[in-house]
N, C-alpha and C. Protein backbone atom coordinates (compact mmCIF):
# COMPACT_ATOMS: atom_id res chain seq x y z
N MET A 1 0.17 12.37 -3.80
CA MET A 1 -0.60 13.09 -2.84
C MET A 1 -1.11 12.02 -2.05
N HIS A 2 -1.20 12.33 -0.71
CA HIS A 2 -1.77 11.13 0.05
C HIS A 2 -3.56 11.46 0.32
N LEU A 3 -4.03 10.34 1.03
CA LEU A 3 -5.34 10.45 1.30
C LEU A 3 -5.95 11.53 1.77
N LYS A 4 -5.27 12.04 2.95
CA LYS A 4 -5.66 12.96 3.86
C LYS A 4 -5.35 14.17 3.20
N GLU A 5 -4.55 14.50 2.11
CA GLU A 5 -4.04 15.65 1.66
C GLU A 5 -5.50 15.84 0.53
N TRP A 6 -5.84 14.76 -0.24
CA TRP A 6 -6.70 14.59 -1.06
C TRP A 6 -8.41 15.01 -0.37
N ILE A 7 -8.67 14.83 0.76
CA ILE A 7 -9.78 14.90 1.61
C ILE A 7 -10.01 16.23 1.78
N LYS A 8 -8.53 16.72 2.23
CA LYS A 8 -8.52 18.12 2.53
C LYS A 8 -8.79 19.00 1.02
N ARG A 9 -8.36 18.84 0.06
CA ARG A 9 -8.80 19.36 -1.13
C ARG A 9 -10.28 19.18 -1.38
N GLU A 10 -10.63 17.94 -1.50
CA GLU A 10 -12.09 17.69 -2.13
C GLU A 10 -12.72 18.20 -0.98
N GLY A 11 -13.04 18.11 0.19
CA GLY A 11 -13.60 18.82 1.26
C GLY A 11 -14.67 17.40 1.58
N ALA A 12 -15.73 17.71 1.97
CA ALA A 12 -16.78 16.84 2.42
C ALA A 12 -17.23 15.89 1.45
N ALA A 13 -17.64 16.74 0.31
CA ALA A 13 -18.07 15.94 -0.91
C ALA A 13 -17.03 14.92 -1.28
N GLY A 14 -15.71 15.01 -1.34
CA GLY A 14 -14.93 14.02 -1.48
C GLY A 14 -14.92 12.87 -0.59
N ARG A 15 -14.87 13.36 0.70
CA ARG A 15 -14.88 12.12 1.52
C ARG A 15 -16.40 11.20 1.54
N ARG A 16 -17.47 12.19 1.25
CA ARG A 16 -18.79 11.51 1.12
C ARG A 16 -18.51 10.30 -0.07
N ARG A 17 -17.76 10.86 -1.07
CA ARG A 17 -17.64 9.75 -2.57
C ARG A 17 -17.11 8.62 -2.24
N VAL A 18 -16.05 8.98 -1.42
CA VAL A 18 -15.10 7.75 -0.87
C VAL A 18 -15.85 6.48 -0.15
N PHE A 19 -16.53 7.42 0.98
CA PHE A 19 -17.31 6.50 1.67
C PHE A 19 -18.54 6.02 0.99
N ASP A 20 -18.94 6.44 0.54
CA ASP A 20 -20.51 5.88 -0.45
C ASP A 20 -19.61 4.80 -1.07
N ALA A 21 -18.55 4.93 -1.93
CA ALA A 21 -17.81 3.75 -2.92
C ALA A 21 -17.65 2.56 -1.87
N ILE A 22 -17.17 2.86 -0.80
CA ILE A 22 -16.76 1.51 0.00
C ILE A 22 -17.68 0.66 0.77
N LYS A 23 -18.64 1.94 1.17
CA LYS A 23 -19.86 1.32 1.81
C LYS A 23 -20.69 0.23 0.74
N ALA A 24 -20.77 0.77 -0.69
CA ALA A 24 -21.37 0.07 -1.43
C ALA A 24 -21.05 -1.55 -1.78
N LYS A 25 -19.70 -1.60 -1.45
CA LYS A 25 -19.33 -3.13 -1.60
C LYS A 25 -19.30 -3.66 -0.07
N TYR A 26 -18.95 -2.89 0.88
CA TYR A 26 -19.00 -3.49 2.46
C TYR A 26 -19.74 -2.45 3.18
N PRO A 27 -21.27 -2.93 3.47
CA PRO A 27 -22.35 -2.39 4.12
C PRO A 27 -21.78 -2.09 5.48
N SER A 28 -21.16 -2.88 6.11
CA SER A 28 -20.52 -2.40 7.60
C SER A 28 -19.89 -1.88 7.89
N PHE A 29 -19.14 -1.34 6.77
CA PHE A 29 -18.18 -0.15 6.72
C PHE A 29 -18.65 1.37 7.35
N THR A 30 -18.01 1.93 8.31
CA THR A 30 -18.42 3.00 9.04
C THR A 30 -17.46 4.11 8.75
N GLN A 31 -18.30 5.41 8.94
CA GLN A 31 -17.30 6.82 8.93
C GLN A 31 -15.99 7.07 10.42
N VAL A 32 -16.42 6.07 11.08
CA VAL A 32 -15.38 5.76 12.10
C VAL A 32 -13.95 5.24 11.24
N SER A 33 -14.23 4.10 10.52
CA SER A 33 -13.48 3.59 9.98
C SER A 33 -12.58 4.32 8.80
N LEU A 34 -13.37 5.16 8.22
CA LEU A 34 -13.01 5.91 7.30
C LEU A 34 -11.69 6.99 7.74
N THR A 35 -12.44 7.66 9.06
CA THR A 35 -11.58 8.58 9.94
C THR A 35 -10.20 7.93 10.17
N ASN A 36 -10.05 6.79 10.63
CA ASN A 36 -9.15 6.21 11.19
C ASN A 36 -8.08 5.94 9.65
N TYR A 37 -8.61 5.60 8.74
CA TYR A 37 -7.80 5.53 7.80
C TYR A 37 -6.84 6.80 7.29
N ILE A 38 -8.09 7.68 6.95
CA ILE A 38 -7.39 9.19 6.88
C ILE A 38 -6.43 9.66 7.78
N LYS A 39 -6.51 9.36 8.95
CA LYS A 39 -5.53 9.86 10.14
C LYS A 39 -4.46 8.81 10.08
N GLY A 40 -4.71 7.80 9.57
CA GLY A 40 -3.13 6.88 9.40
C GLY A 40 -3.33 6.16 10.64
N GLN A 41 -4.40 6.12 11.72
CA GLN A 41 -4.44 5.00 12.94
C GLN A 41 -4.73 3.58 12.54
N ARG A 42 -5.18 3.43 11.34
CA ARG A 42 -5.38 2.08 10.98
C ARG A 42 -5.02 2.12 9.31
N ILE A 43 -4.86 0.81 8.58
CA ILE A 43 -4.21 0.54 7.46
C ILE A 43 -5.31 -0.13 6.94
N PRO A 44 -5.93 0.25 5.86
CA PRO A 44 -7.04 -0.80 4.87
C PRO A 44 -6.53 -1.88 4.39
N ASP A 45 -7.42 -2.95 4.19
CA ASP A 45 -7.31 -3.92 3.62
C ASP A 45 -6.98 -3.45 2.00
N PHE A 46 -6.21 -4.25 1.12
CA PHE A 46 -6.22 -3.83 -0.25
C PHE A 46 -7.39 -3.78 -0.73
N GLU A 47 -8.47 -4.52 -0.73
CA GLU A 47 -9.54 -4.21 -1.54
C GLU A 47 -10.15 -3.04 -1.18
N ILE A 48 -10.17 -2.41 0.05
CA ILE A 48 -10.47 -1.19 0.26
C ILE A 48 -9.57 -0.28 0.26
N ALA A 49 -8.30 -0.44 0.06
CA ALA A 49 -7.45 0.76 -0.67
C ALA A 49 -7.57 0.73 -2.14
N LYS A 50 -8.06 -0.36 -2.81
CA LYS A 50 -8.26 -0.33 -4.21
C LYS A 50 -9.46 0.54 -4.57
N ILE A 51 -10.56 0.44 -3.62
CA ILE A 51 -11.83 1.24 -3.72
C ILE A 51 -11.30 2.81 -3.65
N ILE A 52 -10.58 2.94 -2.95
CA ILE A 52 -10.03 4.63 -1.97
C ILE A 52 -9.33 5.04 -3.57
N SER A 53 -8.39 3.91 -4.18
CA SER A 53 -7.63 4.54 -5.49
C SER A 53 -8.16 4.95 -6.56
N GLU A 54 -9.42 3.80 -6.59
CA GLU A 54 -10.14 4.42 -8.07
C GLU A 54 -11.22 5.50 -7.81
N VAL A 55 -11.78 5.82 -6.49
CA VAL A 55 -12.41 7.08 -6.20
C VAL A 55 -11.51 8.66 -6.55
N THR A 56 -10.30 8.09 -5.95
CA THR A 56 -9.73 9.39 -5.41
C THR A 56 -8.49 9.81 -6.64
N LYS A 57 -7.95 8.58 -7.57
CA LYS A 57 -7.26 8.48 -8.77
C LYS A 57 -5.86 8.70 -8.00
N ILE A 58 -5.86 8.52 -6.96
CA ILE A 58 -4.23 8.01 -6.25
C ILE A 58 -3.95 6.70 -6.52
N PRO A 59 -2.45 6.76 -6.96
CA PRO A 59 -1.90 5.66 -7.48
C PRO A 59 -2.02 4.66 -6.38
N ILE A 60 -2.56 3.57 -6.49
CA ILE A 60 -2.89 2.19 -5.51
C ILE A 60 -1.12 2.14 -4.81
N PHE A 61 0.07 2.50 -5.19
CA PHE A 61 1.21 2.03 -4.84
C PHE A 61 1.35 3.23 -3.62
N LEU A 62 0.76 4.62 -3.77
CA LEU A 62 1.00 5.56 -2.92
C LEU A 62 0.12 5.51 -1.61
N LEU A 63 -0.74 4.67 -1.82
CA LEU A 63 -1.77 4.25 -0.77
C LEU A 63 -0.84 3.26 0.19
N SER A 64 -1.19 3.45 1.78
CA SER A 64 -0.83 2.21 2.42
C SER A 64 -1.99 1.28 2.32
N TRP A 65 -1.53 0.20 2.54
CA TRP A 65 -2.40 -1.07 2.66
C TRP A 65 -1.58 -1.98 3.19
N ARG A 66 -2.66 -3.12 3.44
CA ARG A 66 -2.35 -4.34 4.06
C ARG A 66 -3.00 -5.64 3.09
N PHE A 67 -2.06 -6.78 2.88
CA PHE A 67 -2.64 -7.77 2.08
C PHE A 67 -3.06 -8.81 3.55
N VAL A 68 -4.08 -9.12 3.09
CA VAL A 68 -4.86 -10.50 4.15
C VAL A 68 -5.28 -11.43 3.35
N ASN A 69 -4.56 -12.40 3.54
CA ASN A 69 -4.91 -14.04 2.88
C ASN A 69 -5.98 -14.40 3.27
N LYS A 70 -7.01 -14.08 2.75
CA LYS A 70 -8.51 -14.96 3.10
C LYS A 70 -8.38 -16.34 2.48
N SER A 71 -7.72 -16.77 2.06
CA SER A 71 -7.56 -18.34 1.41
C SER A 71 -7.24 -18.92 2.42
N MET A 72 -6.70 -18.71 3.68
CA MET A 72 -6.21 -19.40 4.63
C MET A 72 -7.24 -19.65 5.78
N GLU A 73 -8.52 -18.90 5.56
CA GLU A 73 -9.62 -18.94 6.95
C GLU A 73 -10.35 -20.08 6.24
């Protein structure tokens, strides 16, 4: 199951759980960013994808995500 399908099934309460979980770790995260991830317009970083996977129970390998090597910064 993809994130968009999960959100459709769970409704606003499910979307809020995902948003709150991400916002707890990343305070600058916005509803717009979540909407972009759901619509597939943006791909989340691995750390955000892990949070989405934990909340939705969708295996991480079924979610789109990108790896950002922060050690290079």
